[in-house]
Amino acid sequence: MRMVEAAKQALGSLGGGPATAQAVYDEIIKRELFTFGAKNPVSVLSSTMRKATEGSPRLSGAAVFSSPAKGTYQLK
């Protein structure tokens, strides 16, 4: 499973958002959805989620998330 899919599933189990990258990370680890190899996995997750967020200049394809407030994400 890709990181963005793990984040999507984790957010879904958290009620769809809004949630911080830390909360999403904690849910991913709890549910064993993805294995992170980075030294700062929350930062990597946040960056990945930002790239898949509505309005992101780096968005490639359909948005998966929206950001109702700085540092929070919810399912689109």
N, C-alpha and C. Protein backbone atom coordinates (compact mmCIF):
# COMPACT_ATOMS: atom_id res chain seq x y z
N MET A 1 0.84 -1.17 0.00
CA MET A 1 0.00 0.00 0.00
C MET A 1 0.90 1.25 0.00
N ARG A 2 0.49 2.24 -0.77
CA ARG A 2 1.24 3.49 -0.82
C ARG A 2 0.91 4.35 0.40
N MET A 3 1.81 5.27 0.71
CA MET A 3 1.64 6.12 1.89
C MET A 3 0.35 6.93 1.84
N VAL A 4 0.02 7.48 0.68
CA VAL A 4 -1.19 8.29 0.57
C VAL A 4 -2.44 7.44 0.80
N GLU A 5 -2.43 6.20 0.37
CA GLU A 5 -3.56 5.30 0.62
C GLU A 5 -3.66 4.95 2.10
N ALA A 6 -2.53 4.75 2.74
CA ALA A 6 -2.52 4.49 4.18
C ALA A 6 -3.08 5.69 4.94
N ALA A 7 -2.69 6.89 4.52
CA ALA A 7 -3.19 8.11 5.16
C ALA A 7 -4.70 8.24 4.95
N LYS A 8 -5.17 7.90 3.77
CA LYS A 8 -6.59 7.97 3.47
C LYS A 8 -7.38 7.02 4.37
N GLN A 9 -6.90 5.79 4.51
CA GLN A 9 -7.55 4.81 5.37
C GLN A 9 -7.51 5.24 6.83
N ALA A 10 -6.37 5.76 7.26
CA ALA A 10 -6.22 6.20 8.65
C ALA A 10 -7.18 7.36 8.94
N LEU A 11 -7.25 8.33 8.04
CA LEU A 11 -8.18 9.45 8.23
C LEU A 11 -9.62 8.96 8.27
N GLY A 12 -9.94 8.00 7.43
CA GLY A 12 -11.28 7.43 7.43
C GLY A 12 -11.63 6.81 8.77
N SER A 13 -10.69 6.10 9.37
CA SER A 13 -10.95 5.46 10.66
C SER A 13 -10.97 6.48 11.79
N LEU A 14 -10.42 7.67 11.54
CA LEU A 14 -10.47 8.76 12.53
C LEU A 14 -11.73 9.61 12.35
N GLY A 15 -12.58 9.23 11.44
CA GLY A 15 -13.82 9.95 11.22
C GLY A 15 -13.79 10.87 10.02
N GLY A 16 -12.71 10.87 9.25
CA GLY A 16 -12.63 11.67 8.03
C GLY A 16 -11.92 13.00 8.20
N GLY A 17 -11.62 13.39 9.42
CA GLY A 17 -10.86 14.61 9.66
C GLY A 17 -11.72 15.69 10.25
N PRO A 18 -11.20 16.83 10.54
CA PRO A 18 -9.81 17.19 10.34
C PRO A 18 -8.89 16.57 11.40
N ALA A 19 -7.68 16.29 10.97
CA ALA A 19 -6.69 15.68 11.86
C ALA A 19 -5.30 16.15 11.44
N THR A 20 -4.40 16.17 12.37
CA THR A 20 -3.01 16.55 12.09
C THR A 20 -2.27 15.37 11.49
N ALA A 21 -1.13 15.65 10.90
CA ALA A 21 -0.29 14.58 10.35
C ALA A 21 0.15 13.63 11.46
N GLN A 22 0.39 14.16 12.66
CA GLN A 22 0.79 13.31 13.79
C GLN A 22 -0.32 12.32 14.14
N ALA A 23 -1.57 12.79 14.17
CA ALA A 23 -2.69 11.90 14.48
C ALA A 23 -2.86 10.84 13.40
N VAL A 24 -2.69 11.24 12.14
CA VAL A 24 -2.79 10.29 11.03
C VAL A 24 -1.66 9.27 11.13
N TYR A 25 -0.45 9.74 11.40
CA TYR A 25 0.70 8.84 11.57
C TYR A 25 0.43 7.82 12.68
N ASP A 26 -0.04 8.31 13.82
CA ASP A 26 -0.31 7.42 14.96
C ASP A 26 -1.32 6.33 14.57
N GLU A 27 -2.34 6.71 13.80
CA GLU A 27 -3.36 5.74 13.36
C GLU A 27 -2.76 4.75 12.36
N ILE A 28 -1.91 5.22 11.47
CA ILE A 28 -1.25 4.33 10.51
C ILE A 28 -0.42 3.29 11.25
N ILE A 29 0.33 3.72 12.23
CA ILE A 29 1.17 2.80 13.01
C ILE A 29 0.30 1.83 13.80
N LYS A 30 -0.73 2.35 14.45
CA LYS A 30 -1.63 1.52 15.25
C LYS A 30 -2.26 0.42 14.41
N ARG A 31 -2.67 0.76 13.19
CA ARG A 31 -3.35 -0.20 12.31
C ARG A 31 -2.38 -0.96 11.40
N GLU A 32 -1.09 -0.65 11.50
CA GLU A 32 -0.04 -1.30 10.70
C GLU A 32 -0.33 -1.21 9.20
N LEU A 33 -0.66 0.02 8.74
CA LEU A 33 -1.01 0.23 7.35
C LEU A 33 0.20 0.50 6.45
N PHE A 34 1.28 1.00 7.04
CA PHE A 34 2.45 1.37 6.25
C PHE A 34 3.67 1.33 7.16
N THR A 35 4.81 0.94 6.61
CA THR A 35 6.07 0.93 7.35
C THR A 35 6.93 2.09 6.87
N PHE A 36 7.26 2.98 7.78
CA PHE A 36 8.07 4.15 7.46
C PHE A 36 9.54 3.82 7.70
N GLY A 37 10.39 4.27 6.80
CA GLY A 37 11.82 4.07 6.95
C GLY A 37 12.57 5.37 7.21
N ALA A 38 11.85 6.48 7.25
CA ALA A 38 12.46 7.80 7.39
C ALA A 38 12.81 8.10 8.84
N LYS A 39 13.78 9.00 9.03
CA LYS A 39 14.14 9.43 10.37
C LYS A 39 13.05 10.29 10.98
N ASN A 40 12.33 11.05 10.16
CA ASN A 40 11.23 11.88 10.63
C ASN A 40 9.97 11.54 9.83
N PRO A 41 9.34 10.43 10.17
CA PRO A 41 8.22 9.95 9.36
C PRO A 41 7.02 10.89 9.33
N VAL A 42 6.77 11.63 10.40
CA VAL A 42 5.62 12.55 10.41
C VAL A 42 5.82 13.66 9.39
N SER A 43 7.05 14.14 9.25
CA SER A 43 7.36 15.17 8.27
C SER A 43 7.17 14.64 6.85
N VAL A 44 7.60 13.44 6.60
CA VAL A 44 7.44 12.81 5.28
C VAL A 44 5.96 12.60 4.98
N LEU A 45 5.21 12.15 5.96
CA LEU A 45 3.77 11.95 5.79
C LEU A 45 3.08 13.27 5.51
N SER A 46 3.41 14.31 6.26
CA SER A 46 2.81 15.63 6.06
C SER A 46 3.08 16.15 4.65
N SER A 47 4.31 15.99 4.19
CA SER A 47 4.67 16.42 2.84
C SER A 47 3.89 15.65 1.79
N THR A 48 3.76 14.36 1.97
CA THR A 48 3.02 13.52 1.03
C THR A 48 1.55 13.91 1.00
N MET A 49 0.98 14.16 2.17
CA MET A 49 -0.43 14.56 2.23
C MET A 49 -0.64 15.94 1.60
N ARG A 50 0.29 16.87 1.83
CA ARG A 50 0.18 18.20 1.23
C ARG A 50 0.14 18.12 -0.29
N LYS A 51 0.95 17.23 -0.86
CA LYS A 51 1.01 17.07 -2.32
C LYS A 51 -0.29 16.51 -2.89
N ALA A 52 -1.09 15.85 -2.05
CA ALA A 52 -2.36 15.26 -2.50
C ALA A 52 -3.56 16.07 -2.01
N THR A 53 -3.29 17.33 -1.59
CA THR A 53 -4.34 18.18 -1.04
C THR A 53 -4.85 19.17 -2.08
N GLU A 54 -6.15 19.36 -2.08
CA GLU A 54 -6.81 20.32 -2.96
C GLU A 54 -6.12 21.68 -2.89
N GLY A 55 -5.81 22.23 -4.06
CA GLY A 55 -5.17 23.53 -4.14
C GLY A 55 -3.65 23.49 -4.13
N SER A 56 -3.07 22.32 -3.97
CA SER A 56 -1.61 22.21 -3.96
C SER A 56 -1.06 22.40 -5.37
N PRO A 57 -0.01 23.24 -5.52
CA PRO A 57 0.59 23.39 -6.84
C PRO A 57 1.31 22.11 -7.31
N ARG A 58 1.56 21.19 -6.39
CA ARG A 58 2.25 19.94 -6.73
C ARG A 58 1.28 18.78 -6.91
N LEU A 59 -0.02 19.07 -6.90
CA LEU A 59 -1.04 18.04 -7.06
C LEU A 59 -0.96 17.44 -8.46
N SER A 60 -0.86 16.12 -8.50
CA SER A 60 -0.87 15.43 -9.80
C SER A 60 -2.03 14.44 -9.76
N GLY A 61 -3.11 14.79 -10.42
CA GLY A 61 -4.30 13.96 -10.39
C GLY A 61 -5.36 14.56 -9.48
N ALA A 62 -6.30 13.74 -9.08
CA ALA A 62 -7.40 14.20 -8.24
C ALA A 62 -6.94 14.38 -6.79
N ALA A 63 -7.46 15.40 -6.15
CA ALA A 63 -7.15 15.66 -4.74
C ALA A 63 -7.76 14.56 -3.87
N VAL A 64 -7.02 14.12 -2.89
CA VAL A 64 -7.47 13.11 -1.94
C VAL A 64 -7.91 13.78 -0.64
N PHE A 65 -7.24 14.89 -0.29
CA PHE A 65 -7.47 15.58 0.96
C PHE A 65 -7.82 17.05 0.72
N SER A 66 -8.38 17.67 1.74
CA SER A 66 -8.50 19.12 1.78
C SER A 66 -7.89 19.55 3.11
N SER A 67 -7.61 20.83 3.24
CA SER A 67 -6.98 21.33 4.46
C SER A 67 -7.83 22.48 5.01
N PRO A 68 -8.69 22.18 6.00
CA PRO A 68 -9.57 23.21 6.54
C PRO A 68 -8.83 24.26 7.36
N ALA A 69 -7.69 23.91 7.90
CA ALA A 69 -6.86 24.85 8.67
C ALA A 69 -5.41 24.40 8.52
N LYS A 70 -4.50 25.34 8.69
CA LYS A 70 -3.09 25.02 8.55
C LYS A 70 -2.70 23.84 9.45
N GLY A 71 -2.06 22.86 8.83
CA GLY A 71 -1.58 21.70 9.58
C GLY A 71 -2.60 20.61 9.81
N THR A 72 -3.80 20.76 9.25
CA THR A 72 -4.81 19.72 9.39
C THR A 72 -5.28 19.24 8.02
N TYR A 73 -5.72 18.02 7.99
CA TYR A 73 -6.17 17.40 6.75
C TYR A 73 -7.50 16.70 7.00
N GLN A 74 -8.30 16.62 5.96
CA GLN A 74 -9.53 15.83 6.02
C GLN A 74 -9.73 15.21 4.67
N LEU A 75 -10.56 14.17 4.62
CA LEU A 75 -10.85 13.51 3.36
C LEU A 75 -11.64 14.45 2.46
N LYS A 76 -11.33 14.41 1.20
CA LYS A 76 -12.01 15.24 0.20
C LYS A 76 -13.35 14.64 -0.12
